[in-house]
Amino acid sequence: MALSITSTYAGEFAGKYIAAALLSSNTIEQGGIEVKPNIKLKEVIKKVATSGLIANSSCDFTDAGNVTLTERIIQPEEFQVNLQLCKTPFVSDWEAAQMGYSAFENMPPKFSDFFIGHISAEIAAKNEQNIWVGANATAGEYDGLVTLAKADSDVSDITGTTVTHANVIAEMGKVVDACPNAVYGKEDLNLYVSKNVAKAYVRALGGYSIGVGANGIDDKGQMWYSGQGLSFDGVNIFMANGLSDNQMMLAQKSNLYFGTGLLNDLNLVKVLDMADLDGSQNVRFIARYTAGVQYGIGSEIVLYDPTV
């Protein structure tokens, strides 16, 4: 990889680097999915369904009821980051002094620390997208929950549209209306929405939607919202950063699974200075991890997507 440094330095370096805001893996960090670590190859997820267990009383033991066991396989895939940077461009930059005065130079420590964090954040961002809309056919991705649901006839599909503050309540209502009675009211039931849907809902509740007063919630207009939790028709709303615009999924958290080997692998970046190995001026950044998702019962999931 070629490294290009564009500098407009004037004065003492402040010692901070700024990276663009990265999408964090909030689905995992905020507990929106069941995490199953320590999967070496694959794991079987079993779900139990029962019916007809209750019968009228009698003196005899009379077997009654049905127990159905279903299973799905979660098999995390392996991914890696292999990145090589040359130390030479830093010699003419404003961090040259931190590299030492020897011809055998070190990577500037502040940049090295920053770049380790940057790579970890990139992994988290990509993994968040993969959890929801990843496609196994694309390098660096595995099939996400939306991808799996689209291919599953058991999942209830709702053909979506472009969601705005004018129609968001009606569109979210379609998803909740399709919720199976068996899961409605469950404590861990979530309506997972994309960022644009969440923003439209907040604006609608501020007084921009039919059914909401002109001044919105508590007559506060757009000042009503300050980051508190949201719900719709008794269902908790979870803003999933990895969902694409105009996508929603209704499901129990306990029905969605993220599998990996070691959770720490997602935050582990190794730095290898090649000077002592091959005499070069190169530094390698290395990361390896496994990841994959799966759900249990498709018939208990509702998918809202413009492409279904």
C-alpha atoms as a PDB file:
ATOM      1  CA  MET A   1       0.000   0.000   0.000  1.00  0.00           C
ATOM      2  CA  ALA A   2       1.278   3.453  -0.883  1.00  0.00           C
ATOM      3  CA  LEU A   3       1.206   6.098   1.853  1.00  0.00           C
ATOM      4  CA  SER A   4       0.624   9.724   0.897  1.00  0.00           C
ATOM      5  CA  ILE A   5       1.024  12.524   3.447  1.00  0.00           C
ATOM      6  CA  THR A   6      -0.403  15.957   2.694  1.00  0.00           C
ATOM      7  CA  SER A   7       0.749  18.472   5.278  1.00  0.00           C
ATOM      8  CA  THR A   8      -0.141  22.129   5.894  1.00  0.00           C
ATOM      9  CA  TYR A   9       1.822  22.196   9.142  1.00  0.00           C
ATOM     10  CA  ALA A  10       2.739  25.544  10.680  1.00  0.00           C
ATOM     11  CA  GLY A  11       3.862  25.593  14.296  1.00  0.00           C
ATOM     12  CA  GLU A  12       4.103  22.870  16.941  1.00  0.00           C
ATOM     13  CA  PHE A  13       2.221  19.661  16.154  1.00  0.00           C
ATOM     14  CA  ALA A  14      -0.720  19.337  18.516  1.00  0.00           C
ATOM     15  CA  GLY A  15      -0.272  15.586  18.912  1.00  0.00           C
ATOM     16  CA  LYS A  16      -3.736  14.577  17.693  1.00  0.00           C
ATOM     17  CA  TYR A  17      -5.000  12.948  14.536  1.00  0.00           C
ATOM     18  CA  ILE A  18      -8.568  13.308  13.342  1.00  0.00           C
ATOM     19  CA  ALA A  19     -10.350  10.538  11.458  1.00  0.00           C
ATOM     20  CA  ALA A  20     -13.768  10.658   9.849  1.00  0.00           C
ATOM     21  CA  ALA A  21     -16.590   9.500  12.118  1.00  0.00           C
ATOM     22  CA  LEU A  22     -16.865   5.747  11.815  1.00  0.00           C
ATOM     23  CA  LEU A  23     -19.926   3.581  12.156  1.00  0.00           C
ATOM     24  CA  SER A  24     -19.548   1.664  15.426  1.00  0.00           C
ATOM     25  CA  SER A  25     -20.887  -1.858  15.823  1.00  0.00           C
ATOM     26  CA  ASN A  26     -23.788  -0.624  17.945  1.00  0.00           C
ATOM     27  CA  THR A  27     -25.910  -3.733  17.376  1.00  0.00           C
ATOM     28  CA  ILE A  28     -23.403  -5.652  19.519  1.00  0.00           C
ATOM     29  CA  GLU A  29     -22.353  -2.842  21.868  1.00  0.00           C
ATOM     30  CA  GLN A  30     -25.933  -1.891  22.792  1.00  0.00           C
ATOM     31  CA  GLY A  31     -27.173  -5.461  23.183  1.00  0.00           C
ATOM     32  CA  GLY A  32     -29.367  -5.704  20.112  1.00  0.00           C
ATOM     33  CA  ILE A  33     -28.355  -9.280  19.324  1.00  0.00           C
ATOM     34  CA  GLU A  34     -27.406 -12.450  21.193  1.00  0.00           C
ATOM     35  CA  VAL A  35     -23.625 -12.933  21.077  1.00  0.00           C
ATOM     36  CA  LYS A  36     -22.294 -16.478  20.885  1.00  0.00           C
ATOM     37  CA  PRO A  37     -18.500 -16.469  21.348  1.00  0.00           C
ATOM     38  CA  ASN A  38     -15.985 -19.334  21.302  1.00  0.00           C
ATOM     39  CA  ILE A  39     -17.281 -20.928  18.089  1.00  0.00           C
ATOM     40  CA  LYS A  40     -14.331 -22.669  16.463  1.00  0.00           C
ATOM     41  CA  LEU A  41     -16.064 -23.985  13.335  1.00  0.00           C
ATOM     42  CA  LYS A  42     -19.855 -23.929  13.597  1.00  0.00           C
ATOM     43  CA  GLU A  43     -22.630 -24.261  16.144  1.00  0.00           C
ATOM     44  CA  VAL A  44     -26.166 -25.596  15.990  1.00  0.00           C
ATOM     45  CA  ILE A  45     -28.887 -23.258  17.253  1.00  0.00           C
ATOM     46  CA  LYS A  46     -31.904 -25.197  18.513  1.00  0.00           C
ATOM     47  CA  LYS A  47     -35.351 -23.694  19.012  1.00  0.00           C
ATOM     48  CA  VAL A  48     -38.207 -25.458  20.814  1.00  0.00           C
ATOM     49  CA  ALA A  49     -41.907 -25.000  19.951  1.00  0.00           C
ATOM     50  CA  THR A  50     -44.749 -26.704  21.824  1.00  0.00           C
ATOM     51  CA  SER A  51     -48.489 -26.989  21.307  1.00  0.00           C
ATOM     52  CA  GLY A  52     -51.436 -28.831  22.838  1.00  0.00           C
ATOM     53  CA  LEU A  53     -49.775 -29.385  26.212  1.00  0.00           C
ATOM     54  CA  ILE A  54     -52.831 -28.528  28.309  1.00  0.00           C
ATOM     55  CA  ALA A  55     -55.617 -31.132  28.497  1.00  0.00           C
ATOM     56  CA  ASN A  56     -58.589 -31.898  30.709  1.00  0.00           C
ATOM     57  CA  SER A  57     -57.761 -33.740  33.921  1.00  0.00           C
ATOM     58  CA  SER A  58     -58.176 -37.524  34.202  1.00  0.00           C
ATOM     59  CA  CYS A  59     -57.107 -40.347  36.510  1.00  0.00           C
ATOM     60  CA  ASP A  60     -54.726 -41.809  33.956  1.00  0.00           C
ATOM     61  CA  PHE A  61     -51.533 -40.531  32.423  1.00  0.00           C
ATOM     62  CA  THR A  62     -52.485 -39.497  28.929  1.00  0.00           C
ATOM     63  CA  ASP A  63     -49.715 -38.260  26.717  1.00  0.00           C
ATOM     64  CA  ALA A  64     -50.730 -35.037  24.978  1.00  0.00           C
ATOM     65  CA  GLY A  65     -49.058 -32.209  23.159  1.00  0.00           C
ATOM     66  CA  ASN A  66     -46.449 -31.744  20.491  1.00  0.00           C
ATOM     67  CA  VAL A  67     -42.836 -30.668  20.813  1.00  0.00           C
ATOM     68  CA  THR A  68     -41.053 -29.449  17.701  1.00  0.00           C
ATOM     69  CA  LEU A  69     -37.300 -28.951  17.594  1.00  0.00           C
ATOM     70  CA  THR A  70     -35.855 -26.869  14.812  1.00  0.00           C
ATOM     71  CA  GLU A  71     -32.249 -25.979  14.225  1.00  0.00           C
ATOM     72  CA  ARG A  72     -30.146 -23.582  12.233  1.00  0.00           C
ATOM     73  CA  ILE A  73     -26.400 -23.488  11.756  1.00  0.00           C
ATOM     74  CA  ILE A  74     -24.231 -20.504  12.566  1.00  0.00           C
ATOM     75  CA  GLN A  75     -20.793 -20.774  10.992  1.00  0.00           C
ATOM     76  CA  PRO A  76     -18.535 -17.727  11.415  1.00  0.00           C
ATOM     77  CA  GLU A  77     -16.248 -16.903   8.493  1.00  0.00           C
ATOM     78  CA  GLU A  78     -12.611 -15.870   8.750  1.00  0.00           C
ATOM     79  CA  PHE A  79     -11.493 -12.349   7.845  1.00  0.00           C
ATOM     80  CA  GLN A  80      -8.208 -10.475   7.942  1.00  0.00           C
ATOM     81  CA  VAL A  81      -6.553  -7.086   7.630  1.00  0.00           C
ATOM     82  CA  ASN A  82      -3.060  -7.083   6.108  1.00  0.00           C
ATOM     83  CA  LEU A  83      -1.675  -3.570   5.686  1.00  0.00           C
ATOM     84  CA  GLN A  84       1.900  -2.439   5.079  1.00  0.00           C
ATOM     85  CA  LEU A  85       3.180   1.134   5.444  1.00  0.00           C
ATOM     86  CA  CYS A  86       6.628   2.507   4.695  1.00  0.00           C
ATOM     87  CA  LYS A  87       8.195   4.710   7.385  1.00  0.00           C
ATOM     88  CA  THR A  88      10.107   6.880   4.878  1.00  0.00           C
ATOM     89  CA  PRO A  89       7.316   9.427   4.152  1.00  0.00           C
ATOM     90  CA  PHE A  90       7.270  10.387   7.834  1.00  0.00           C
ATOM     91  CA  VAL A  91      10.925  11.573   7.738  1.00  0.00           C
ATOM     92  CA  SER A  92       9.964  14.784   5.933  1.00  0.00           C
ATOM     93  CA  ASP A  93       6.770  15.259   7.907  1.00  0.00           C
ATOM     94  CA  TRP A  94       6.226  17.061  11.188  1.00  0.00           C
ATOM     95  CA  GLU A  95       6.636  13.879  13.273  1.00  0.00           C
ATOM     96  CA  ALA A  96      10.181  13.174  12.090  1.00  0.00           C
ATOM     97  CA  ALA A  97      11.710  13.861  15.519  1.00  0.00           C
ATOM     98  CA  GLN A  98       9.553  11.184  17.108  1.00  0.00           C
ATOM     99  CA  MET A  99      11.049   8.597  14.787  1.00  0.00           C
ATOM    100  CA  GLY A 100      14.484   8.954  16.345  1.00  0.00           C
ATOM    101  CA  TYR A 101      17.670  10.286  14.755  1.00  0.00           C
ATOM    102  CA  SER A 102      19.100   6.902  13.754  1.00  0.00           C
ATOM    103  CA  ALA A 103      18.923   5.713  10.160  1.00  0.00           C
ATOM    104  CA  PHE A 104      16.965   2.778  11.612  1.00  0.00           C
ATOM    105  CA  GLU A 105      13.733   4.675  12.111  1.00  0.00           C
ATOM    106  CA  ASN A 106      10.676   3.873  14.188  1.00  0.00           C
ATOM    107  CA  MET A 107       7.090   4.502  13.222  1.00  0.00           C
ATOM    108  CA  PRO A 108       5.913   7.708  14.979  1.00  0.00           C
ATOM    109  CA  PRO A 109       4.271   6.383  18.156  1.00  0.00           C
ATOM    110  CA  LYS A 110       1.333   8.799  18.130  1.00  0.00           C
ATOM    111  CA  PHE A 111       0.472   7.798  14.571  1.00  0.00           C
ATOM    112  CA  SER A 112       0.968   4.107  15.329  1.00  0.00           C
ATOM    113  CA  ASP A 113      -1.408   4.290  18.308  1.00  0.00           C
ATOM    114  CA  PHE A 114      -3.951   6.216  16.278  1.00  0.00           C
ATOM    115  CA  PHE A 115      -3.780   3.842  13.348  1.00  0.00           C
ATOM    116  CA  ILE A 116      -4.310   0.784  15.545  1.00  0.00           C
ATOM    117  CA  GLY A 117      -7.492   2.399  16.870  1.00  0.00           C
ATOM    118  CA  HIS A 118      -8.499   3.425  13.358  1.00  0.00           C
ATOM    119  CA  ILE A 119      -8.198  -0.132  12.026  1.00  0.00           C
ATOM    120  CA  SER A 120     -10.196  -1.472  14.993  1.00  0.00           C
ATOM    121  CA  ALA A 121     -12.915   1.088  14.310  1.00  0.00           C
ATOM    122  CA  GLU A 122     -12.971   0.161  10.611  1.00  0.00           C
ATOM    123  CA  ILE A 123     -13.431  -3.492  11.573  1.00  0.00           C
ATOM    124  CA  ALA A 124     -16.307  -2.549  13.901  1.00  0.00           C
ATOM    125  CA  ALA A 125     -17.931  -0.420  11.203  1.00  0.00           C
ATOM    126  CA  LYS A 126     -17.685  -3.118   8.552  1.00  0.00           C
ATOM    127  CA  ASN A 127     -18.923  -5.763  10.960  1.00  0.00           C
ATOM    128  CA  GLU A 128     -21.976  -3.654  11.848  1.00  0.00           C
ATOM    129  CA  GLN A 129     -22.879  -3.433   8.170  1.00  0.00           C
ATOM    130  CA  ASN A 130     -22.245  -7.152   7.684  1.00  0.00           C
ATOM    131  CA  ILE A 131     -24.526  -8.074  10.589  1.00  0.00           C
ATOM    132  CA  TRP A 132     -27.479  -6.644   8.703  1.00  0.00           C
ATOM    133  CA  VAL A 133     -26.831  -6.304   4.968  1.00  0.00           C
ATOM    134  CA  GLY A 134     -23.633  -8.268   4.319  1.00  0.00           C
ATOM    135  CA  ALA A 135     -23.508 -10.581   1.283  1.00  0.00           C
ATOM    136  CA  ASN A 136     -21.260 -13.624   1.293  1.00  0.00           C
ATOM    137  CA  ALA A 137     -20.523 -13.166  -2.419  1.00  0.00           C
ATOM    138  CA  THR A 138     -18.720  -9.893  -1.636  1.00  0.00           C
ATOM    139  CA  ALA A 139     -15.138 -10.072  -0.347  1.00  0.00           C
ATOM    140  CA  GLY A 140     -14.901  -9.146   3.331  1.00  0.00           C
ATOM    141  CA  GLU A 141     -18.584  -9.885   3.998  1.00  0.00           C
ATOM    142  CA  TYR A 142     -20.815 -12.662   5.291  1.00  0.00           C
ATOM    143  CA  ASP A 143     -24.560 -13.040   4.778  1.00  0.00           C
ATOM    144  CA  GLY A 144     -26.319 -10.572   7.068  1.00  0.00           C
ATOM    145  CA  LEU A 145     -29.696 -10.901   8.752  1.00  0.00           C
ATOM    146  CA  VAL A 146     -31.520  -9.011   5.998  1.00  0.00           C
ATOM    147  CA  THR A 147     -29.839 -11.125   3.329  1.00  0.00           C
ATOM    148  CA  LEU A 148     -30.792 -14.346   5.135  1.00  0.00           C
ATOM    149  CA  ALA A 149     -34.362 -13.147   5.725  1.00  0.00           C
ATOM    150  CA  LYS A 150     -34.888 -12.240   2.060  1.00  0.00           C
ATOM    151  CA  ALA A 151     -34.065 -15.819   1.083  1.00  0.00           C
ATOM    152  CA  ASP A 152     -36.376 -17.342   3.717  1.00  0.00           C
ATOM    153  CA  SER A 153     -40.020 -17.865   2.783  1.00  0.00           C
ATOM    154  CA  ASP A 154     -40.938 -18.223   6.475  1.00  0.00           C
ATOM    155  CA  VAL A 155     -40.146 -14.549   7.121  1.00  0.00           C
ATOM    156  CA  SER A 156     -43.041 -12.100   6.707  1.00  0.00           C
ATOM    157  CA  ASP A 157     -42.034  -9.615   3.996  1.00  0.00           C
ATOM    158  CA  ILE A 158     -43.371  -6.089   3.612  1.00  0.00           C
ATOM    159  CA  THR A 159     -42.429  -4.181   0.491  1.00  0.00           C
ATOM    160  CA  GLY A 160     -41.188  -0.838   1.702  1.00  0.00           C
ATOM    161  CA  THR A 161     -40.929   2.626   0.259  1.00  0.00           C
ATOM    162  CA  THR A 162     -38.923   5.784   0.881  1.00  0.00           C
ATOM    163  CA  VAL A 163     -39.667   6.645   4.510  1.00  0.00           C
ATOM    164  CA  THR A 164     -40.251  10.302   5.418  1.00  0.00           C
ATOM    165  CA  HIS A 165     -41.676  12.157   8.422  1.00  0.00           C
ATOM    166  CA  ALA A 166     -44.989  12.233   6.554  1.00  0.00           C
ATOM    167  CA  ASN A 167     -45.386   8.450   6.195  1.00  0.00           C
ATOM    168  CA  VAL A 168     -43.121   6.948   8.872  1.00  0.00           C
ATOM    169  CA  ILE A 169     -45.944   6.222  11.347  1.00  0.00           C
ATOM    170  CA  ALA A 170     -47.988   4.449   8.689  1.00  0.00           C
ATOM    171  CA  GLU A 171     -44.993   2.434   7.473  1.00  0.00           C
ATOM    172  CA  MET A 172     -43.906   1.411  10.962  1.00  0.00           C
ATOM    173  CA  GLY A 173     -47.518   0.490  11.631  1.00  0.00           C
ATOM    174  CA  LYS A 174     -47.407  -1.987   8.743  1.00  0.00           C
ATOM    175  CA  VAL A 175     -44.497  -3.788  10.408  1.00  0.00           C
ATOM    176  CA  VAL A 176     -46.138  -3.989  13.827  1.00  0.00           C
ATOM    177  CA  ASP A 177     -49.434  -5.081  12.255  1.00  0.00           C
ATOM    178  CA  ALA A 178     -47.581  -8.052  10.727  1.00  0.00           C
ATOM    179  CA  CYS A 179     -46.045  -9.028  14.088  1.00  0.00           C
ATOM    180  CA  PRO A 180     -47.085 -12.581  15.062  1.00  0.00           C
ATOM    181  CA  ASN A 181     -49.330 -12.594  18.129  1.00  0.00           C
ATOM    182  CA  ALA A 182     -47.025 -15.149  19.742  1.00  0.00           C
ATOM    183  CA  VAL A 183     -44.186 -12.639  20.047  1.00  0.00           C
ATOM    184  CA  TYR A 184     -46.045  -9.330  20.443  1.00  0.00           C
ATOM    185  CA  GLY A 185     -45.573  -8.093  23.998  1.00  0.00           C
ATOM    186  CA  LYS A 186     -42.379 -10.070  24.571  1.00  0.00           C
ATOM    187  CA  GLU A 187     -39.881  -8.126  26.660  1.00  0.00           C
ATOM    188  CA  ASP A 188     -37.037  -8.486  24.169  1.00  0.00           C
ATOM    189  CA  LEU A 189     -39.088  -7.664  21.057  1.00  0.00           C
ATOM    190  CA  ASN A 190     -37.426  -4.907  19.025  1.00  0.00           C
ATOM    191  CA  LEU A 191     -38.314  -2.930  15.942  1.00  0.00           C
ATOM    192  CA  TYR A 192     -34.878  -2.505  14.341  1.00  0.00           C
ATOM    193  CA  VAL A 193     -34.813   0.560  12.103  1.00  0.00           C
ATOM    194  CA  SER A 194     -32.270   2.322   9.916  1.00  0.00           C
ATOM    195  CA  LYS A 195     -30.998   5.783  10.775  1.00  0.00           C
ATOM    196  CA  ASN A 196     -33.190   7.584   8.267  1.00  0.00           C
ATOM    197  CA  VAL A 197     -36.306   5.855   9.641  1.00  0.00           C
ATOM    198  CA  ALA A 198     -35.346   6.821  13.207  1.00  0.00           C
ATOM    199  CA  LYS A 199     -34.796  10.435  12.176  1.00  0.00           C
ATOM    200  CA  ALA A 200     -38.136  10.547  10.363  1.00  0.00           C
ATOM    201  CA  TYR A 201     -39.924   9.157  13.433  1.00  0.00           C
ATOM    202  CA  VAL A 202     -38.336  11.723  15.760  1.00  0.00           C
ATOM    203  CA  ARG A 203     -39.361  14.524  13.428  1.00  0.00           C
ATOM    204  CA  ALA A 204     -42.888  13.156  13.091  1.00  0.00           C
ATOM    205  CA  LEU A 205     -43.299  13.117  16.870  1.00  0.00           C
ATOM    206  CA  GLY A 206     -42.143  16.718  16.919  1.00  0.00           C
ATOM    207  CA  GLY A 207     -45.346  17.742  15.201  1.00  0.00           C
ATOM    208  CA  TYR A 208     -44.848  16.912  11.542  1.00  0.00           C
ATOM    209  CA  SER A 209     -47.202  13.972  11.161  1.00  0.00           C
ATOM    210  CA  ILE A 210     -50.902  13.216  11.004  1.00  0.00           C
ATOM    211  CA  GLY A 211     -52.084  12.234  14.452  1.00  0.00           C
ATOM    212  CA  VAL A 212     -49.450  14.300  16.262  1.00  0.00           C
ATOM    213  CA  GLY A 213     -50.319  17.806  17.444  1.00  0.00           C
ATOM    214  CA  ALA A 214     -48.790  20.750  15.642  1.00  0.00           C
ATOM    215  CA  ASN A 215     -46.364  21.287  18.501  1.00  0.00           C
ATOM    216  CA  GLY A 216     -45.502  17.618  18.936  1.00  0.00           C
ATOM    217  CA  ILE A 217     -44.859  15.675  22.131  1.00  0.00           C
ATOM    218  CA  ASP A 218     -45.593  17.778  25.237  1.00  0.00           C
ATOM    219  CA  ASP A 219     -45.920  20.830  22.962  1.00  0.00           C
ATOM    220  CA  LYS A 220     -42.125  20.949  22.692  1.00  0.00           C
ATOM    221  CA  GLY A 221     -41.838  20.750  18.918  1.00  0.00           C
ATOM    222  CA  GLN A 222     -38.402  19.647  17.764  1.00  0.00           C
ATOM    223  CA  MET A 223     -37.014  20.260  21.248  1.00  0.00           C
ATOM    224  CA  TRP A 224     -38.819  17.196  22.602  1.00  0.00           C
ATOM    225  CA  TYR A 225     -36.106  14.653  21.790  1.00  0.00           C
ATOM    226  CA  SER A 226     -32.782  14.431  23.632  1.00  0.00           C
ATOM    227  CA  GLY A 227     -31.652  10.867  22.964  1.00  0.00           C
ATOM    228  CA  GLN A 228     -34.096   8.974  25.167  1.00  0.00           C
ATOM    229  CA  GLY A 229     -35.405   5.555  24.225  1.00  0.00           C
ATOM    230  CA  LEU A 230     -38.129   5.300  21.589  1.00  0.00           C
ATOM    231  CA  SER A 231     -41.030   2.901  21.192  1.00  0.00           C
ATOM    232  CA  PHE A 232     -43.887   2.374  18.750  1.00  0.00           C
ATOM    233  CA  ASP A 233     -47.176   0.716  19.650  1.00  0.00           C
ATOM    234  CA  GLY A 234     -45.554  -0.834  22.692  1.00  0.00           C
ATOM    235  CA  VAL A 235     -42.520  -2.160  20.794  1.00  0.00           C
ATOM    236  CA  ASN A 236     -39.019  -0.930  21.614  1.00  0.00           C
ATOM    237  CA  ILE A 237     -37.236   0.816  18.746  1.00  0.00           C
ATOM    238  CA  PHE A 238     -33.583  -0.098  18.169  1.00  0.00           C
ATOM    239  CA  MET A 239     -31.674   2.083  15.700  1.00  0.00           C
ATOM    240  CA  ALA A 240     -29.302  -0.339  13.954  1.00  0.00           C
ATOM    241  CA  ASN A 241     -26.479   1.562  12.270  1.00  0.00           C
ATOM    242  CA  GLY A 242     -25.867  -1.266   9.808  1.00  0.00           C
ATOM    243  CA  LEU A 243     -29.321  -1.258   8.245  1.00  0.00           C
ATOM    244  CA  SER A 244     -29.589   0.479   4.886  1.00  0.00           C
ATOM    245  CA  ASP A 245     -31.967   3.391   4.372  1.00  0.00           C
ATOM    246  CA  ASN A 246     -35.671   2.497   4.491  1.00  0.00           C
ATOM    247  CA  GLN A 247     -35.117  -0.912   6.092  1.00  0.00           C
ATOM    248  CA  MET A 248     -36.759  -2.281   9.240  1.00  0.00           C
ATOM    249  CA  MET A 249     -36.853  -5.665  10.941  1.00  0.00           C
ATOM    250  CA  LEU A 250     -39.090  -6.750  13.788  1.00  0.00           C
ATOM    251  CA  ALA A 251     -37.722  -9.614  15.873  1.00  0.00           C
ATOM    252  CA  GLN A 252     -36.906 -10.743  19.368  1.00  0.00           C
ATOM    253  CA  LYS A 253     -33.324 -10.173  20.411  1.00  0.00           C
ATOM    254  CA  SER A 254     -33.252 -13.795  21.578  1.00  0.00           C
ATOM    255  CA  ASN A 255     -34.014 -14.882  18.000  1.00  0.00           C
ATOM    256  CA  LEU A 256     -30.973 -13.128  16.479  1.00  0.00           C
ATOM    257  CA  TYR A 257     -27.424 -14.401  16.908  1.00  0.00           C
ATOM    258  CA  PHE A 258     -23.914 -13.129  16.244  1.00  0.00           C
ATOM    259  CA  GLY A 259     -21.204 -15.790  16.341  1.00  0.00           C
ATOM    260  CA  THR A 260     -17.438 -15.413  16.592  1.00  0.00           C
ATOM    261  CA  GLY A 261     -14.346 -17.141  17.914  1.00  0.00           C
ATOM    262  CA  LEU A 262     -12.880 -14.742  20.461  1.00  0.00           C
ATOM    263  CA  LEU A 263     -14.589 -11.380  20.942  1.00  0.00           C
ATOM    264  CA  ASN A 264     -11.179  -9.861  21.672  1.00  0.00           C
ATOM    265  CA  ASP A 265     -10.055 -10.680  18.107  1.00  0.00           C
ATOM    266  CA  LEU A 266     -12.356  -7.929  16.851  1.00  0.00           C
ATOM    267  CA  ASN A 267     -10.277  -5.373  18.794  1.00  0.00           C
ATOM    268  CA  LEU A 268      -6.824  -6.890  18.347  1.00  0.00           C
ATOM    269  CA  VAL A 269      -4.422  -5.329  15.842  1.00  0.00           C
ATOM    270  CA  LYS A 270      -0.809  -6.517  15.756  1.00  0.00           C
ATOM    271  CA  VAL A 271       2.046  -4.271  14.603  1.00  0.00           C
ATOM    272  CA  LEU A 272       5.127  -5.855  13.056  1.00  0.00           C
ATOM    273  CA  ASP A 273       8.202  -3.715  12.305  1.00  0.00           C
ATOM    274  CA  MET A 274       9.982  -5.450   9.432  1.00  0.00           C
ATOM    275  CA  ALA A 275      13.361  -3.743   9.942  1.00  0.00           C
ATOM    276  CA  ASP A 276      14.794  -6.592  12.024  1.00  0.00           C
ATOM    277  CA  LEU A 277      13.314  -9.246   9.747  1.00  0.00           C
ATOM    278  CA  ASP A 278      14.106  -8.161   6.215  1.00  0.00           C
ATOM    279  CA  GLY A 279      15.943  -4.865   6.642  1.00  0.00           C
ATOM    280  CA  SER A 280      13.132  -2.855   5.059  1.00  0.00           C
ATOM    281  CA  GLN A 281      11.511   0.377   6.223  1.00  0.00           C
ATOM    282  CA  ASN A 282       8.088  -1.237   6.301  1.00  0.00           C
ATOM    283  CA  VAL A 283       5.655  -1.701   9.180  1.00  0.00           C
ATOM    284  CA  ARG A 284       2.827  -4.229   8.942  1.00  0.00           C
ATOM    285  CA  PHE A 285      -0.559  -3.973  10.640  1.00  0.00           C
ATOM    286  CA  ILE A 286      -2.306  -7.336  11.018  1.00  0.00           C
ATOM    287  CA  ALA A 287      -5.770  -8.318  12.253  1.00  0.00           C
ATOM    288  CA  ARG A 288      -7.655 -11.628  12.043  1.00  0.00           C
ATOM    289  CA  TYR A 289     -11.131 -12.480  13.303  1.00  0.00           C
ATOM    290  CA  THR A 290     -14.188 -14.630  12.629  1.00  0.00           C
ATOM    291  CA  ALA A 291     -17.792 -13.461  12.407  1.00  0.00           C
ATOM    292  CA  GLY A 292     -21.222 -14.573  11.243  1.00  0.00           C
ATOM    293  CA  VAL A 293     -24.932 -14.198  12.046  1.00  0.00           C
ATOM    294  CA  GLN A 294     -28.015 -16.362  12.085  1.00  0.00           C
ATOM    295  CA  TYR A 295     -31.572 -16.312  13.421  1.00  0.00           C
ATOM    296  CA  GLY A 296     -33.668 -19.046  14.970  1.00  0.00           C
ATOM    297  CA  ILE A 297     -37.299 -18.950  13.808  1.00  0.00           C
ATOM    298  CA  GLY A 298     -38.002 -17.149  10.548  1.00  0.00           C
ATOM    299  CA  SER A 299     -41.773 -17.121  11.011  1.00  0.00           C
ATOM    300  CA  GLU A 300     -41.342 -14.841  14.038  1.00  0.00           C
ATOM    301  CA  ILE A 301     -39.526 -12.154  12.003  1.00  0.00           C
ATOM    302  CA  VAL A 302     -40.990  -9.323   9.924  1.00  0.00           C
ATOM    303  CA  LEU A 303     -38.790  -7.694   7.260  1.00  0.00           C
ATOM    304  CA  TYR A 304     -39.551  -4.279   5.751  1.00  0.00           C
ATOM    305  CA  ASP A 305     -37.465  -3.590   2.672  1.00  0.00           C
ATOM    306  CA  PRO A 306     -38.084  -1.716  -0.602  1.00  0.00           C
ATOM    307  CA  THR A 307     -36.652  -4.617  -2.622  1.00  0.00           C
ATOM    308  CA  VAL A 308     -38.759  -7.538  -1.322  1.00  0.00           C
END
